[in-house]
Each structure stands twice: as C-alpha cells, then as structure tokens.
Amino acid sequence: MNNMSKQELFDFINETSFMVDDIALYLNTHPNCQDGIDAYNHYKHLRKEAIQEYTCSYGPICKYDVNVENYWDWVMRPWPWEGGCE
C-alpha cells in the first residue's frame, strides 16, 4: 500500500470496505463458515491498515479517525467531493 497514490489508496479503502460489508452479510446466514470468517478478518485487517496509512498521510476520512489533540484541524482540508482525494 505504501506506493499507492492518494486516489488509489482511497479507492482501495472503498473496495475493502465493500468486501467487509459483503462478507458480513454472507456470515449473517453462514455464521460457522470458517472460510468466510477468515476472509472477513483478512479484508478487515487490510482496510484498517489502509485507513491508518491514509490518515497519517492525508488526514482522517471520517470522524472516528480524528486525532483528538487537533480535532477540528481535519475540517480545514478539502473534502472528497471538493477534490480532496485527487
């Protein structure tokens, strides 16, 4: 992930978020499927790492990733719909 551009990293976060959500839906009806559980944990871990990398490099994506010491600084950066992910 270290060599991804800002946009590529943001896209990767969206893709892994989709995978985590999709696998979670599968696990709702197949709660004992070890392959599903393993896949869920794998994509959840990848997503967490990507969000940490993105937050360190470009600032938080959501309010849960805000540094409490500089809480309101995150609103000073461009929002994704303002071209902040380009």
C-alpha atoms as a PDB file:
ATOM      1  CA  MET A   1       0.000   0.000   0.000  1.00  0.00           C
ATOM      2  CA  ASN A   2       2.938   2.339   0.567  1.00  0.00           C
ATOM      3  CA  ASN A   3       3.381   3.023  -3.139  1.00  0.00           C
ATOM      4  CA  MET A   4      -0.272   3.882  -3.876  1.00  0.00           C
ATOM      5  CA  SER A   5      -1.317   7.376  -4.848  1.00  0.00           C
ATOM      6  CA  LYS A   6      -3.851   9.202  -2.717  1.00  0.00           C
ATOM      7  CA  GLN A   7      -6.671   8.260  -5.109  1.00  0.00           C
ATOM      8  CA  GLU A   8      -5.556   4.627  -5.357  1.00  0.00           C
ATOM      9  CA  LEU A   9      -5.432   4.335  -1.580  1.00  0.00           C
ATOM     10  CA  PHE A  10      -8.883   5.917  -1.236  1.00  0.00           C
ATOM     11  CA  ASP A  11     -10.258   3.508  -3.869  1.00  0.00           C
ATOM     12  CA  PHE A  12      -8.630   0.577  -2.062  1.00  0.00           C
ATOM     13  CA  ILE A  13     -10.337   1.625   1.181  1.00  0.00           C
ATOM     14  CA  ASN A  14     -13.691   1.728  -0.611  1.00  0.00           C
ATOM     15  CA  GLU A  15     -13.100  -1.668  -2.203  1.00  0.00           C
ATOM     16  CA  THR A  16     -12.075  -3.362   1.032  1.00  0.00           C
ATOM     17  CA  SER A  17     -14.971  -1.683   2.856  1.00  0.00           C
ATOM     18  CA  PHE A  18     -17.321  -3.237   0.303  1.00  0.00           C
ATOM     19  CA  MET A  19     -15.705  -6.636   0.806  1.00  0.00           C
ATOM     20  CA  VAL A  20     -16.052  -6.414   4.608  1.00  0.00           C
ATOM     21  CA  ASP A  21     -19.723  -5.425   4.298  1.00  0.00           C
ATOM     22  CA  ASP A  22     -20.455  -8.081   1.692  1.00  0.00           C
ATOM     23  CA  ILE A  23     -18.774 -10.872   3.655  1.00  0.00           C
ATOM     24  CA  ALA A  24     -20.581  -9.738   6.822  1.00  0.00           C
ATOM     25  CA  LEU A  25     -23.893 -10.200   5.004  1.00  0.00           C
ATOM     26  CA  TYR A  26     -22.811 -13.694   3.973  1.00  0.00           C
ATOM     27  CA  LEU A  27     -21.823 -14.509   7.549  1.00  0.00           C
ATOM     28  CA  ASN A  28     -25.300 -13.485   8.736  1.00  0.00           C
ATOM     29  CA  THR A  29     -26.616 -16.630   7.060  1.00  0.00           C
ATOM     30  CA  HIS A  30     -23.453 -18.757   7.334  1.00  0.00           C
ATOM     31  CA  PRO A  31     -22.078 -17.907  10.783  1.00  0.00           C
ATOM     32  CA  ASN A  32     -19.948 -21.038  11.076  1.00  0.00           C
ATOM     33  CA  CYS A  33     -18.216 -20.799   7.684  1.00  0.00           C
ATOM     34  CA  GLN A  34     -14.529 -20.658   8.547  1.00  0.00           C
ATOM     35  CA  ASP A  35     -13.556 -19.523   5.037  1.00  0.00           C
ATOM     36  CA  GLY A  36     -15.986 -16.622   5.375  1.00  0.00           C
ATOM     37  CA  ILE A  37     -14.680 -15.717   8.822  1.00  0.00           C
ATOM     38  CA  ASP A  38     -11.088 -15.853   7.569  1.00  0.00           C
ATOM     39  CA  ALA A  39     -11.928 -13.677   4.556  1.00  0.00           C
ATOM     40  CA  TYR A  40     -13.764 -11.189   6.780  1.00  0.00           C
ATOM     41  CA  ASN A  41     -10.788 -10.897   9.129  1.00  0.00           C
ATOM     42  CA  HIS A  42      -8.359 -10.580   6.209  1.00  0.00           C
ATOM     43  CA  TYR A  43     -10.220  -7.721   4.494  1.00  0.00           C
ATOM     44  CA  LYS A  44     -10.974  -6.036   7.802  1.00  0.00           C
ATOM     45  CA  HIS A  45      -7.236  -6.027   8.575  1.00  0.00           C
ATOM     46  CA  LEU A  46      -6.341  -4.677   5.110  1.00  0.00           C
ATOM     47  CA  ARG A  47      -8.976  -1.945   5.463  1.00  0.00           C
ATOM     48  CA  LYS A  48      -7.708  -0.935   8.896  1.00  0.00           C
ATOM     49  CA  GLU A  49      -4.109  -0.687   7.640  1.00  0.00           C
ATOM     50  CA  ALA A  50      -5.164   1.342   4.609  1.00  0.00           C
ATOM     51  CA  ILE A  51      -7.193   3.764   6.722  1.00  0.00           C
ATOM     52  CA  GLN A  52      -4.264   4.214   9.098  1.00  0.00           C
ATOM     53  CA  GLU A  53      -1.925   4.913   6.191  1.00  0.00           C
ATOM     54  CA  TYR A  54      -4.382   7.317   4.573  1.00  0.00           C
ATOM     55  CA  THR A  55      -4.985   9.144   7.861  1.00  0.00           C
ATOM     56  CA  CYS A  56      -1.262   9.543   8.521  1.00  0.00           C
ATOM     57  CA  SER A  57      -0.579  10.830   5.003  1.00  0.00           C
ATOM     58  CA  TYR A  58      -3.689  12.839   4.110  1.00  0.00           C
ATOM     59  CA  GLY A  59      -5.810  13.275   7.227  1.00  0.00           C
ATOM     60  CA  PRO A  60      -8.863  11.447   8.518  1.00  0.00           C
ATOM     61  CA  ILE A  61     -11.588  10.145   6.241  1.00  0.00           C
ATOM     62  CA  CYS A  62     -14.239  10.089   8.944  1.00  0.00           C
ATOM     63  CA  LYS A  63     -14.794  11.481  12.410  1.00  0.00           C
ATOM     64  CA  TYR A  64     -13.668   8.249  14.067  1.00  0.00           C
ATOM     65  CA  ASP A  65     -10.128   8.716  12.733  1.00  0.00           C
ATOM     66  CA  VAL A  66      -9.651  12.258  14.026  1.00  0.00           C
ATOM     67  CA  ASN A  67      -6.705  12.995  16.295  1.00  0.00           C
ATOM     68  CA  VAL A  68      -8.354  14.349  19.453  1.00  0.00           C
ATOM     69  CA  GLU A  69      -5.469  16.733  20.100  1.00  0.00           C
ATOM     70  CA  ASN A  70      -6.159  18.563  16.822  1.00  0.00           C
ATOM     71  CA  TYR A  71      -9.795  17.579  16.456  1.00  0.00           C
ATOM     72  CA  TRP A  72     -11.027  20.463  14.342  1.00  0.00           C
ATOM     73  CA  ASP A  73      -7.982  20.659  12.072  1.00  0.00           C
ATOM     74  CA  TRP A  74      -9.430  17.912   9.900  1.00  0.00           C
ATOM     75  CA  VAL A  75     -12.140  20.205   8.523  1.00  0.00           C
ATOM     76  CA  MET A  76      -9.503  22.522   7.065  1.00  0.00           C
ATOM     77  CA  ARG A  77      -8.568  20.015   4.342  1.00  0.00           C
ATOM     78  CA  PRO A  78     -10.541  19.589   1.105  1.00  0.00           C
ATOM     79  CA  TRP A  79     -13.435  17.147   1.403  1.00  0.00           C
ATOM     80  CA  PRO A  80     -13.549  14.206  -1.028  1.00  0.00           C
ATOM     81  CA  TRP A  81     -16.304  15.882  -3.091  1.00  0.00           C
ATOM     82  CA  GLU A  82     -14.137  19.017  -3.277  1.00  0.00           C
ATOM     83  CA  GLY A  83     -11.321  17.105  -4.936  1.00  0.00           C
ATOM     84  CA  GLY A  84      -9.622  16.122  -1.688  1.00  0.00           C
ATOM     85  CA  CYS A  85      -8.965  12.606  -2.973  1.00  0.00           C
ATOM     86  CA  GLU A  86      -7.325  13.536  -6.237  1.00  0.00           C
END
